[in-house]
């Protein structure tokens, strides 16, 4: 396993991050514990979860697993707040009131004394960014969180956060977590350059585009029963499995076969070789999924391979609109709109 610097911090993380979004939902606790143990054995030292995943159950699974295997101090543990955690008017958002309580709750569920990297999961147009950053500064000074990150933040807000942090001596954003994969390369147009220029690590989610790049779904073939096509094919208000996205799959499969790997492994390997990428987040539901992701760490794509991929899906291109929530947040910078629950 290779390790990379997280932004401009002195922290080094594995080039693959273990995501726990499925824990407590499709993945039960015994298998989640096996996945965590195998990930650590495979060299992964970077684990990502969020309070909203299974309404806290994912954090609980991760906390109990790290307590059981005694590896808490061997991993960089990241979680996220801001998303809706209840029915009350203050059960979401980036206010001092909610964030302070959210961090305390995450600490309890994770069974830890600090959160190594705390992401603001979504933007909150109702809370002044100064209030949010000042609150995070207090939490850092208290030792409850060590570093601050953002997720799905548009470039103008990231730049504002950096400017305010430098002005007031608040913690700088060290990582951004955007959607990024072979079906949706839009962050290459602006975000990647911004993060490279300002020392922000990029930890992308959705490396398989919600299953589109798993290789399971093929053009003109029925989707296998029991797979996510039948349950989340229309998630986020649109269909990811379009004529364009499935045509892309057909074009990429021969490139993967030429490497002797699966399409999923090619997709992860490509991300790990992209400029500015610290560690893509894999979200295995099973131990077998994790093992495939670990194999991707050993795939080395040549400049010729990368050029062929660029010919197939050009830099900045998009065929899925993978994360419509991200699009809405970017629009809200100029024209605020209610984001609804998340």
Protein backbone atom coordinates (compact mmCIF):
# COMPACT_ATOMS: atom_id res chain seq x y z
CA UNK A 1 0.00 0.00 0.00
CA UNK A 2 1.20 3.49 -0.83
CA UNK A 3 0.55 6.45 1.46
CA UNK A 4 -0.01 10.05 0.52
CA UNK A 5 0.05 13.37 2.32
CA UNK A 6 -3.41 14.65 3.25
CA UNK A 7 -3.48 18.17 1.86
CA UNK A 8 -0.74 20.28 3.43
CA UNK A 9 -0.92 18.43 6.73
CA UNK A 10 1.79 16.11 7.95
CA UNK A 11 -0.68 13.21 8.03
CA UNK A 12 -0.18 10.35 5.58
CA UNK A 13 -3.13 8.24 4.50
CA UNK A 14 -3.46 5.16 2.33
CA UNK A 15 -4.19 5.87 -1.33
CA UNK A 16 -7.50 4.03 -0.88
CA UNK A 17 -10.03 5.08 1.76
CA UNK A 18 -12.52 2.63 3.26
CA UNK A 19 -16.02 4.07 3.15
CA UNK A 20 -18.63 2.86 5.64
CA UNK A 21 -21.80 4.20 4.01
CA UNK A 22 -23.26 0.70 3.60
CA UNK A 23 -22.60 -0.32 7.21
CA UNK A 24 -25.87 -0.62 9.08
CA UNK A 25 -27.86 -0.64 5.85
CA UNK A 26 -27.00 -3.41 3.38
CA UNK A 27 -23.99 -4.59 5.42
CA UNK A 28 -24.58 -6.17 8.82
CA UNK A 29 -22.22 -5.71 11.74
CA UNK A 30 -20.33 -9.01 11.53
CA UNK A 31 -19.41 -8.44 7.90
CA UNK A 32 -18.64 -4.77 8.52
CA UNK A 33 -16.17 -5.84 11.19
CA UNK A 34 -14.56 -8.33 8.78
CA UNK A 35 -14.29 -5.63 6.13
CA UNK A 36 -12.58 -3.24 8.54
CA UNK A 37 -10.17 -5.91 9.76
CA UNK A 38 -9.25 -6.96 6.20
CA UNK A 39 -8.87 -3.36 5.10
CA UNK A 40 -6.40 -2.65 7.89
CA UNK A 41 -4.55 -5.88 7.15
CA UNK A 42 -4.36 -4.76 3.51
CA UNK A 43 -2.69 -1.50 4.48
CA UNK A 44 -5.67 0.86 4.56
CA UNK A 45 -5.33 3.40 7.38
CA UNK A 46 -8.07 5.80 6.27
CA UNK A 47 -11.74 5.17 7.20
CA UNK A 48 -14.67 7.39 6.25
CA UNK A 49 -18.18 7.43 7.71
CA UNK A 50 -20.87 10.02 8.57
CA UNK A 51 -23.44 10.60 11.27
CA UNK A 52 -26.27 10.36 8.73
CA UNK A 53 -25.25 6.93 7.43
CA UNK A 54 -27.95 4.60 8.78
CA UNK A 55 -28.74 7.42 11.26
CA UNK A 56 -25.63 6.80 13.33
CA UNK A 57 -25.45 3.01 13.03
CA UNK A 58 -22.51 3.15 10.62
CA UNK A 59 -20.50 5.16 13.15
CA UNK A 60 -21.46 2.68 15.86
CA UNK A 61 -20.27 -0.27 13.76
CA UNK A 62 -16.96 1.46 13.03
CA UNK A 63 -16.48 2.45 16.66
CA UNK A 64 -17.12 -1.03 18.00
CA UNK A 65 -14.91 -2.63 15.35
CA UNK A 66 -11.94 -0.37 16.13
CA UNK A 67 -12.45 -0.88 19.85
CA UNK A 68 -12.53 -4.65 19.34
CA UNK A 69 -9.47 -4.91 17.07
CA UNK A 70 -7.49 -2.30 19.05
CA UNK A 71 -6.56 -0.40 15.87
CA UNK A 72 -8.13 2.98 16.65
CA UNK A 73 -4.75 4.70 16.88
CA UNK A 74 -3.58 3.08 13.64
CA UNK A 75 -6.18 4.73 11.42
CA UNK A 76 -7.12 8.23 10.33
CA UNK A 77 -10.81 8.30 11.19
CA UNK A 78 -13.07 10.67 9.27
CA UNK A 79 -16.73 11.41 9.77
CA UNK A 80 -19.17 14.06 8.64
CA UNK A 81 -21.90 16.27 10.08
CA UNK A 82 -24.52 18.86 8.98
CA UNK A 83 -27.03 16.43 7.40
CA UNK A 84 -30.45 15.79 8.93
CA UNK A 85 -30.36 13.56 12.02
CA UNK A 86 -33.89 14.02 13.37
CA UNK A 87 -37.24 15.72 12.99
CA UNK A 88 -36.45 18.80 15.07
CA UNK A 89 -35.73 22.21 13.51
CA UNK A 90 -32.14 22.14 14.79
CA UNK A 91 -31.37 18.52 13.96
CA UNK A 92 -29.38 19.54 10.89
CA UNK A 93 -27.18 22.35 9.65
CA UNK A 94 -23.82 23.98 10.29
CA UNK A 95 -24.85 26.21 13.19
CA UNK A 96 -22.85 26.31 16.41
CA UNK A 97 -25.83 24.74 18.15
CA UNK A 98 -26.07 21.73 15.85
CA UNK A 99 -22.38 21.15 15.07
CA UNK A 100 -21.36 21.11 18.74
CA UNK A 101 -23.97 18.49 19.54
CA UNK A 102 -23.28 16.54 16.35
CA UNK A 103 -19.58 16.20 17.13
CA UNK A 104 -20.29 15.06 20.69
CA UNK A 105 -22.75 12.46 19.39
CA UNK A 106 -20.28 11.19 16.79
CA UNK A 107 -17.56 10.88 19.43
CA UNK A 108 -19.87 8.72 21.53
CA UNK A 109 -20.90 6.50 18.65
CA UNK A 110 -17.32 6.11 17.41
CA UNK A 111 -16.07 5.37 20.95
CA UNK A 112 -13.15 7.73 20.52
CA UNK A 113 -11.73 10.85 22.13
CA UNK A 114 -11.19 12.71 18.85
CA UNK A 115 -12.24 12.76 15.21
CA UNK A 116 -9.18 12.96 13.00
CA UNK A 117 -10.92 14.57 10.02
CA UNK A 118 -14.35 16.19 10.32
CA UNK A 119 -16.17 17.06 7.10
CA UNK A 120 -19.02 19.48 6.63
CA UNK A 121 -21.17 17.01 4.70
CA UNK A 122 -23.16 19.58 2.70
CA UNK A 123 -23.41 23.34 2.51
CA UNK A 124 -25.79 25.26 4.75
CA UNK A 125 -26.90 28.52 3.16
CA UNK A 126 -28.85 29.49 6.29
CA UNK A 127 -25.82 29.65 8.61
CA UNK A 128 -23.12 32.31 8.20
CA UNK A 129 -19.88 30.62 7.23
CA UNK A 130 -18.12 32.62 9.96
CA UNK A 131 -20.26 30.95 12.62
CA UNK A 132 -19.45 27.51 11.23
CA UNK A 133 -15.69 28.07 10.98
CA UNK A 134 -15.49 29.68 14.42
CA UNK A 135 -17.31 26.67 15.89
CA UNK A 136 -14.88 24.28 14.20
CA UNK A 137 -11.97 26.33 15.55
CA UNK A 138 -13.28 25.86 19.09
CA UNK A 139 -13.69 22.11 18.53
CA UNK A 140 -10.13 21.86 17.19
CA UNK A 141 -8.75 23.78 20.18
CA UNK A 142 -10.66 21.42 22.47
CA UNK A 143 -9.00 18.46 20.73
CA UNK A 144 -12.33 16.96 19.70
CA UNK A 145 -11.49 17.22 16.01
CA UNK A 146 -8.02 17.50 14.47
CA UNK A 147 -8.62 18.59 10.88
CA UNK A 148 -11.48 20.14 8.92
CA UNK A 149 -12.81 19.09 5.53
CA UNK A 150 -15.72 19.88 3.24
CA UNK A 151 -17.91 17.68 1.06
CA UNK A 152 -19.70 18.72 -2.12
CA UNK A 153 -18.71 22.36 -1.59
CA UNK A 154 -18.53 24.59 -4.68
CA UNK A 155 -15.24 26.33 -5.39
CA UNK A 156 -16.39 29.86 -4.39
CA UNK A 157 -17.35 28.68 -0.89
CA UNK A 158 -14.09 26.76 -0.48
CA UNK A 159 -12.16 29.89 -1.42
CA UNK A 160 -14.21 31.98 1.02
CA UNK A 161 -13.52 29.46 3.79
CA UNK A 162 -9.78 29.59 3.08
CA UNK A 163 -9.77 33.39 3.09
CA UNK A 164 -11.68 33.59 6.37
CA UNK A 165 -9.47 30.94 7.98
CA UNK A 166 -6.33 32.88 7.09
CA UNK A 167 -7.89 36.16 8.23
CA UNK A 168 -9.03 34.89 11.64
CA UNK A 169 -6.48 32.16 12.34
CA UNK A 170 -9.11 29.44 12.05
CA UNK A 171 -8.31 25.91 10.82
CA UNK A 172 -7.98 25.69 7.03
CA UNK A 173 -9.88 23.17 4.98
CA UNK A 174 -7.46 20.30 4.32
CA UNK A 175 -9.69 18.00 2.26
CA UNK A 176 -12.69 18.19 -0.06
CA UNK A 177 -14.91 15.20 -0.81
CA UNK A 178 -16.59 15.61 -4.22
CA UNK A 179 -18.28 13.16 -6.60
CA UNK A 180 -15.75 11.97 -9.21
CA UNK A 181 -15.59 8.95 -11.47
CA UNK A 182 -15.18 7.92 -15.10
CA UNK A 183 -18.78 8.85 -15.91
CA UNK A 184 -18.57 12.34 -14.38
CA UNK A 185 -15.27 14.24 -14.70
CA UNK A 186 -16.63 17.74 -14.17
CA UNK A 187 -14.48 18.53 -11.14
CA UNK A 188 -11.48 18.59 -13.49
CA UNK A 189 -12.78 21.87 -14.94
CA UNK A 190 -12.18 23.94 -11.79
CA UNK A 191 -12.14 22.11 -8.45
CA UNK A 192 -9.05 19.96 -9.06
CA UNK A 193 -6.92 22.95 -10.02
CA UNK A 194 -8.19 24.94 -7.04
CA UNK A 195 -7.35 22.16 -4.60
CA UNK A 196 -3.90 21.62 -6.10
CA UNK A 197 -3.19 25.35 -5.94
CA UNK A 198 -4.26 25.70 -2.31
CA UNK A 199 -3.04 22.43 -0.81
CA UNK A 200 -6.39 20.71 -0.34
CA UNK A 201 -6.55 16.94 -0.61
CA UNK A 202 -9.29 15.48 -2.81
CA UNK A 203 -11.02 12.39 -1.39
CA UNK A 204 -13.66 11.55 -4.02
CA UNK A 205 -16.75 9.49 -3.38
CA UNK A 206 -18.76 7.44 -5.87
CA UNK A 207 -15.80 5.91 -7.75
CA UNK A 208 -18.12 3.40 -9.44
CA UNK A 209 -20.87 5.94 -10.13
CA UNK A 210 -23.35 4.18 -7.91
CA UNK A 211 -22.78 0.84 -9.61
CA UNK A 212 -22.67 1.98 -13.23
CA UNK A 213 -18.94 1.15 -13.37
CA UNK A 214 -19.24 -2.13 -11.50
CA UNK A 215 -19.39 -4.03 -14.80
CA UNK A 216 -22.60 -5.74 -13.73
CA UNK A 217 -24.84 -3.60 -15.91
CA UNK A 218 -24.33 -3.98 -19.66
CA UNK A 219 -26.00 -2.43 -22.64
CA UNK A 220 -28.94 -4.38 -24.08
CA UNK A 221 -28.76 -6.87 -21.21
CA UNK A 222 -31.23 -7.14 -18.32
CA UNK A 223 -29.89 -6.08 -14.95
CA UNK A 224 -29.34 -8.99 -12.54
CA UNK A 225 -32.09 -9.38 -9.97
CA UNK A 226 -31.29 -8.09 -6.51
CA UNK A 227 -28.79 -5.45 -7.63
CA UNK A 228 -29.12 -1.74 -7.05
CA UNK A 229 -30.50 -1.01 -10.53
CA UNK A 230 -33.83 -2.23 -9.19
CA UNK A 231 -33.66 -0.19 -5.97
CA UNK A 232 -31.72 3.03 -6.62
CA UNK A 233 -31.77 3.27 -10.39
CA UNK A 234 -33.86 6.43 -10.07
CA UNK A 235 -32.09 7.80 -7.00
CA UNK A 236 -31.46 11.56 -6.90
CA UNK A 237 -34.35 12.04 -9.33
CA UNK A 238 -32.62 10.73 -12.42
CA UNK A 239 -31.57 7.48 -13.99
CA UNK A 240 -27.82 6.83 -13.91
CA UNK A 241 -28.18 3.85 -16.21
CA UNK A 242 -28.67 5.78 -19.44
CA UNK A 243 -27.83 5.03 -23.05
CA UNK A 244 -24.75 7.23 -22.70
CA UNK A 245 -23.48 5.70 -19.46
CA UNK A 246 -23.99 2.12 -20.62
CA UNK A 247 -22.30 2.91 -23.95
CA UNK A 248 -19.35 4.19 -21.94
CA UNK A 249 -19.27 0.92 -20.01
CA UNK A 250 -19.11 -1.03 -23.28
CA UNK A 251 -16.18 1.10 -24.42
CA UNK A 252 -14.28 0.75 -21.14
CA UNK A 253 -14.69 -3.00 -20.62
CA UNK A 254 -12.14 -3.92 -23.35
CA UNK A 255 -9.60 -1.57 -21.74
CA UNK A 256 -10.09 -3.34 -18.42
CA UNK A 257 -9.84 -6.77 -20.03
CA UNK A 258 -6.57 -5.76 -21.70
CA UNK A 259 -5.21 -5.05 -18.21
CA UNK A 260 -6.54 -8.34 -16.86
CA UNK A 261 -8.75 -6.54 -14.35
CA UNK A 262 -12.44 -5.86 -13.84
CA UNK A 263 -14.07 -2.59 -14.88
CA UNK A 264 -14.48 -1.70 -11.19
CA UNK A 265 -10.76 -2.21 -10.59
CA UNK A 266 -9.84 -0.16 -13.66
CA UNK A 267 -12.12 2.65 -12.50
CA UNK A 268 -10.53 2.79 -9.05
CA UNK A 269 -6.99 2.51 -10.43
CA UNK A 270 -7.67 5.40 -12.80
CA UNK A 271 -8.85 7.58 -9.91
CA UNK A 272 -5.78 6.76 -7.84
CA UNK A 273 -3.58 8.02 -10.69
CA UNK A 274 -5.42 11.30 -11.26
CA UNK A 275 -3.67 14.58 -10.37
CA UNK A 276 -4.63 15.94 -6.97
CA UNK A 277 -6.41 12.82 -5.79
CA UNK A 278 -5.42 11.75 -2.28
CA UNK A 279 -7.59 8.65 -1.92
CA UNK A 280 -10.85 7.59 -3.56
CA UNK A 281 -13.43 6.17 -1.18
CA UNK A 282 -14.48 2.60 -1.84
CA UNK A 283 -17.78 1.58 -0.25
CA UNK A 284 -17.76 -2.21 -0.10
CA UNK A 285 -20.89 -4.05 0.91
CA UNK A 286 -19.02 -7.36 1.18
CA UNK A 287 -15.52 -8.63 1.89
CA UNK A 288 -15.29 -9.64 -1.78
CA UNK A 289 -15.97 -6.05 -2.85
CA UNK A 290 -13.16 -4.87 -0.57
CA UNK A 291 -10.74 -7.43 -1.97
CA UNK A 292 -11.45 -6.20 -5.48
CA UNK A 293 -10.78 -2.62 -4.37
CA UNK A 294 -7.49 -3.64 -2.80
CA UNK A 295 -6.43 -5.33 -6.04
CA UNK A 296 -6.97 -2.02 -7.81
CA UNK A 297 -4.15 -0.55 -5.73
CA UNK A 298 -1.68 -2.69 -7.69
CA UNK A 299 -2.92 -1.70 -11.15
CA UNK A 300 -0.52 0.68 -12.93
CA UNK A 301 -1.99 2.39 -15.98
CA UNK A 302 0.48 3.59 -18.60
CA UNK A 303 0.32 6.99 -20.31
CA UNK A 304 -1.06 5.15 -23.33
CA UNK A 305 -3.80 3.59 -21.19
CA UNK A 306 -4.72 6.98 -19.77
CA UNK A 307 -4.80 8.50 -23.26
CA UNK A 308 -7.21 5.79 -24.43
CA UNK A 309 -9.47 6.55 -21.48
CA UNK A 310 -9.39 10.26 -22.31
CA UNK A 311 -10.41 9.44 -25.87
CA UNK A 312 -13.33 7.41 -24.53
CA UNK A 313 -14.51 9.93 -21.92
CA UNK A 314 -12.74 13.30 -22.35
CA UNK A 315 -11.52 15.41 -19.41
CA UNK A 316 -14.38 17.35 -17.85
CA UNK A 317 -17.03 15.23 -19.56
CA UNK A 318 -20.16 13.92 -17.88
CA UNK A 319 -22.64 11.23 -18.93
CA UNK A 320 -24.52 10.57 -15.67
CA UNK A 321 -25.01 13.79 -13.67
CA UNK A 322 -23.89 11.45 -10.90
CA UNK A 323 -24.65 13.64 -7.88
CA UNK A 324 -27.50 16.08 -8.47
CA UNK A 325 -27.25 17.32 -4.87
CA UNK A 326 -23.75 18.62 -5.70
CA UNK A 327 -25.16 20.46 -8.72
CA UNK A 328 -27.84 22.09 -6.58
CA UNK A 329 -25.25 23.25 -4.05
CA UNK A 330 -23.16 24.81 -6.80
CA UNK A 331 -26.21 26.65 -8.13
CA UNK A 332 -27.17 27.79 -4.63
CA UNK A 333 -23.98 29.85 -4.36
CA UNK A 334 -25.48 32.35 -6.80
CA UNK A 335 -29.18 31.68 -6.27
CA UNK A 336 -30.02 30.19 -2.86
CA UNK A 337 -32.66 27.49 -2.94
CA UNK A 338 -33.97 25.13 -0.25
CA UNK A 339 -31.97 21.92 -0.34
CA UNK A 340 -34.51 19.82 1.52
CA UNK A 341 -33.62 17.07 3.98
CA UNK A 342 -30.42 15.04 3.60
